[in-house]
């Protein structure tokens, strides 16, 4: 579970924060992801790291997204973090070490839940730069990702662990469905477009 980051100084691509009830949310997130994917170099491995645990309703957003992505069996990205094999505070560093040992220069997309203001609950963020997991509950963990997506699942600022345990599963499920669908679609479009362009250049 991460801390909401309203701004990132010097950011080239502005962050996106959009309510999950917004009409056209899928196209908005996909479009923003495709802008970020312009930073991916040819041949660079895309790695998706979904952070969280199914032991907490509010913090299971990441594993839910990971399990949804796993069903696609997509060859265009490598996936870490599902309900069956979660990536959380206890194994995050080990997982990152494994990723960097396996892939020399990965483009990492990280996913996590976060807490925020009442008016922001139910929003999804797409942000350039690394995710800082655990910041919302005062844990120091390694930063993760070239970009990150977060779902604001509840209100932060007081008794965060209790708040996470008492978060509506229906909201977390809805956010995970949107994030997984948008991320899969964007990666697929980007990869297939890159392959098509490479063939044209031959």
Protein backbone atom coordinates (compact mmCIF):
# COMPACT_ATOMS: atom_id res chain seq x y z
CA UNK A 1 0.00 0.00 0.00
CA UNK A 2 1.47 3.27 -1.12
CA UNK A 3 1.19 6.92 -0.33
CA UNK A 4 -0.60 9.17 -2.78
CA UNK A 5 1.75 11.48 -4.70
CA UNK A 6 -0.13 14.50 -6.09
CA UNK A 7 2.80 15.95 -8.04
CA UNK A 8 6.21 14.88 -9.26
CA UNK A 9 8.65 17.75 -9.95
CA UNK A 10 10.25 17.76 -13.40
CA UNK A 11 7.89 15.15 -14.75
CA UNK A 12 7.76 15.09 -18.54
CA UNK A 13 4.36 13.40 -18.79
CA UNK A 14 1.79 14.80 -16.32
CA UNK A 15 0.27 12.29 -13.97
CA UNK A 16 -3.30 11.17 -14.58
CA UNK A 17 -5.85 10.83 -11.78
CA UNK A 18 -9.32 9.81 -12.90
CA UNK A 19 -12.40 8.56 -10.98
CA UNK A 20 -13.35 4.98 -11.78
CA UNK A 21 -16.88 6.16 -12.59
CA UNK A 22 -15.69 8.60 -15.25
CA UNK A 23 -17.10 7.86 -18.74
CA UNK A 24 -14.27 6.98 -21.08
CA UNK A 25 -11.91 5.98 -18.28
CA UNK A 26 -10.56 3.02 -20.24
CA UNK A 27 -9.56 5.09 -23.27
CA UNK A 28 -8.06 7.79 -21.02
CA UNK A 29 -5.84 5.35 -19.14
CA UNK A 30 -4.83 3.45 -22.28
CA UNK A 31 -3.90 6.69 -24.04
CA UNK A 32 -1.80 7.83 -21.08
CA UNK A 33 -0.04 4.46 -20.85
CA UNK A 34 0.81 4.59 -24.55
CA UNK A 35 2.40 8.00 -24.00
CA UNK A 36 4.58 6.51 -21.27
CA UNK A 37 5.48 3.52 -23.44
CA UNK A 38 7.22 5.92 -25.79
CA UNK A 39 10.11 5.60 -23.32
CA UNK A 40 10.42 1.87 -23.95
CA UNK A 41 13.42 1.05 -26.13
CA UNK A 42 13.34 -1.65 -28.85
CA UNK A 43 13.86 -5.08 -27.36
CA UNK A 44 13.42 -3.87 -23.78
CA UNK A 45 11.55 -6.33 -21.58
CA UNK A 46 8.33 -5.02 -20.01
CA UNK A 47 7.86 -6.28 -16.46
CA UNK A 48 4.66 -5.75 -14.46
CA UNK A 49 5.02 -5.92 -10.67
CA UNK A 50 1.74 -6.08 -8.75
CA UNK A 51 2.32 -5.34 -5.08
CA UNK A 52 0.07 -6.21 -2.15
CA UNK A 53 -1.39 -9.05 -0.13
CA UNK A 54 -4.68 -10.92 -0.11
CA UNK A 55 -4.58 -10.86 3.70
CA UNK A 56 -5.93 -7.30 3.62
CA UNK A 57 -9.01 -6.26 1.65
CA UNK A 58 -7.67 -2.82 0.81
CA UNK A 59 -4.19 -4.04 -0.03
CA UNK A 60 -5.26 -6.85 -2.38
CA UNK A 61 -5.60 -4.54 -5.41
CA UNK A 62 -2.17 -5.46 -6.77
CA UNK A 63 -2.61 -9.25 -6.51
CA UNK A 64 -6.09 -8.98 -8.04
CA UNK A 65 -4.66 -7.08 -11.01
CA UNK A 66 -1.87 -9.63 -11.32
CA UNK A 67 -4.25 -12.60 -11.32
CA UNK A 68 -6.45 -10.91 -13.92
CA UNK A 69 -3.42 -10.23 -16.14
CA UNK A 70 -2.21 -13.82 -15.73
CA UNK A 71 -5.41 -15.10 -17.35
CA UNK A 72 -4.46 -13.39 -20.61
CA UNK A 73 -1.30 -15.53 -20.85
CA UNK A 74 0.20 -12.63 -22.77
CA UNK A 75 3.75 -13.03 -24.19
CA UNK A 76 4.31 -9.27 -24.35
CA UNK A 77 5.19 -8.76 -20.67
CA UNK A 78 6.54 -10.61 -17.64
CA UNK A 79 4.33 -10.69 -14.55
CA UNK A 80 5.15 -10.74 -10.85
CA UNK A 81 2.52 -10.65 -8.11
CA UNK A 82 -0.76 -12.60 -8.11
CA UNK A 83 -3.19 -13.87 -5.49
CA UNK A 84 -1.38 -17.23 -5.50
CA UNK A 85 2.13 -15.74 -5.54
CA UNK A 86 1.92 -12.22 -4.10
CA UNK A 87 4.71 -9.66 -4.00
CA UNK A 88 4.65 -7.88 -0.65
CA UNK A 89 6.85 -6.24 1.98
CA UNK A 90 8.53 -9.51 2.97
CA UNK A 91 9.67 -10.56 -0.51
CA UNK A 92 9.78 -7.31 -2.51
CA UNK A 93 13.56 -6.86 -2.43
CA UNK A 94 14.10 -10.52 -3.34
CA UNK A 95 11.66 -10.17 -6.24
CA UNK A 96 13.38 -7.04 -7.56
CA UNK A 97 16.77 -8.76 -7.33
CA UNK A 98 15.36 -11.67 -9.34
CA UNK A 99 13.93 -9.32 -11.98
CA UNK A 100 17.19 -7.43 -12.47
CA UNK A 101 19.17 -10.69 -12.60
CA UNK A 102 16.86 -12.09 -15.26
CA UNK A 103 16.37 -8.94 -17.34
CA UNK A 104 19.38 -6.63 -17.90
CA UNK A 105 17.38 -3.45 -18.52
CA UNK A 106 13.69 -3.98 -17.78
CA UNK A 107 10.93 -1.40 -18.16
CA UNK A 108 9.01 -1.92 -14.94
CA UNK A 109 5.35 -1.04 -14.40
CA UNK A 110 4.31 -1.27 -10.75
CA UNK A 111 0.76 -1.58 -9.39
CA UNK A 112 -0.40 -0.96 -5.83
CA UNK A 113 -3.26 0.29 -3.69
CA UNK A 114 -3.03 3.61 -1.89
CA UNK A 115 -4.93 5.78 0.54
CA UNK A 116 -5.87 9.38 -0.18
CA UNK A 117 -8.35 12.17 0.47
CA UNK A 118 -12.06 11.40 0.69
CA UNK A 119 -12.72 13.11 -2.65
CA UNK A 120 -10.10 10.91 -4.35
CA UNK A 121 -11.32 7.50 -3.17
CA UNK A 122 -12.16 5.36 -6.19
CA UNK A 123 -9.70 7.14 -8.48
CA UNK A 124 -6.93 5.53 -10.50
CA UNK A 125 -3.57 7.22 -11.01
CA UNK A 126 -0.99 6.73 -13.76
CA UNK A 127 2.30 8.32 -12.73
CA UNK A 128 5.78 8.53 -14.21
CA UNK A 129 8.54 7.43 -11.87
CA UNK A 130 8.86 4.76 -9.20
CA UNK A 131 6.22 3.65 -6.75
CA UNK A 132 7.18 3.88 -3.08
CA UNK A 133 5.34 0.93 -1.55
CA UNK A 134 4.70 0.97 2.16
CA UNK A 135 4.94 4.76 2.47
CA UNK A 136 1.29 5.01 3.39
CA UNK A 137 1.81 2.78 6.44
CA UNK A 138 5.26 4.12 7.35
CA UNK A 139 7.31 1.25 5.92
CA UNK A 140 10.57 1.80 4.06
CA UNK A 141 10.71 -0.46 1.01
CA UNK A 142 12.65 -0.23 -2.27
CA UNK A 143 11.13 2.07 -4.91
CA UNK A 144 9.68 0.14 -7.85
CA UNK A 145 9.00 1.01 -11.46
CA UNK A 146 9.63 3.34 -14.36
CA UNK A 147 5.94 4.19 -14.11
CA UNK A 148 3.27 3.13 -11.65
CA UNK A 149 -0.49 2.79 -11.40
CA UNK A 150 -2.32 3.10 -8.11
CA UNK A 151 -5.92 2.71 -7.08
CA UNK A 152 -7.07 4.92 -4.21
CA UNK A 153 -9.06 2.45 -2.15
CA UNK A 154 -9.84 4.40 1.02
CA UNK A 155 -9.12 7.48 3.13
CA UNK A 156 -5.63 7.93 4.58
CA UNK A 157 -4.16 9.84 7.48
CA UNK A 158 -5.33 7.83 10.51
CA UNK A 159 -5.14 4.15 11.56
CA UNK A 160 -4.09 3.04 8.07
CA UNK A 161 -3.94 -0.69 8.87
CA UNK A 162 -7.47 -0.62 10.28
CA UNK A 163 -8.70 1.36 7.27
CA UNK A 164 -7.19 -1.16 4.84
CA UNK A 165 -8.85 -4.05 6.66
CA UNK A 166 -12.23 -2.28 6.42
CA UNK A 167 -12.13 -1.31 2.76
CA UNK A 168 -14.99 -2.27 0.43
CA UNK A 169 -14.00 -5.29 -1.65
CA UNK A 170 -16.43 -4.23 -4.38
CA UNK A 171 -14.44 -1.03 -4.99
CA UNK A 172 -11.11 -2.86 -5.00
CA UNK A 173 -12.49 -5.40 -7.48
CA UNK A 174 -13.79 -2.68 -9.79
CA UNK A 175 -10.47 -0.81 -9.74
CA UNK A 176 -8.56 -4.03 -10.44
CA UNK A 177 -10.79 -4.85 -13.42
CA UNK A 178 -10.20 -1.43 -14.97
CA UNK A 179 -6.45 -1.41 -14.36
CA UNK A 180 -5.87 -4.94 -15.67
CA UNK A 181 -7.94 -4.43 -18.82
CA UNK A 182 -6.34 -1.07 -19.62
CA UNK A 183 -2.81 -2.28 -18.95
CA UNK A 184 -3.20 -5.42 -21.06
CA UNK A 185 -4.75 -3.48 -23.94
CA UNK A 186 -2.09 -0.76 -23.87
CA UNK A 187 0.84 -3.19 -23.74
CA UNK A 188 -0.67 -5.28 -26.54
CA UNK A 189 -1.28 -2.23 -28.75
CA UNK A 190 2.20 -0.86 -28.09
CA UNK A 191 3.99 -4.15 -28.71
CA UNK A 192 2.08 -5.02 -31.86
CA UNK A 193 2.60 -1.50 -33.17
CA UNK A 194 6.33 -1.74 -32.50
CA UNK A 195 6.53 -5.11 -34.27
CA UNK A 196 4.65 -3.73 -37.28
CA UNK A 197 6.95 -0.70 -37.44
CA UNK A 198 10.05 -2.87 -37.22
CA UNK A 199 8.83 -5.01 -40.11
CA UNK A 200 8.20 -1.93 -42.24
CA UNK A 201 11.77 -0.79 -41.65
CA UNK A 202 13.23 -4.08 -42.91
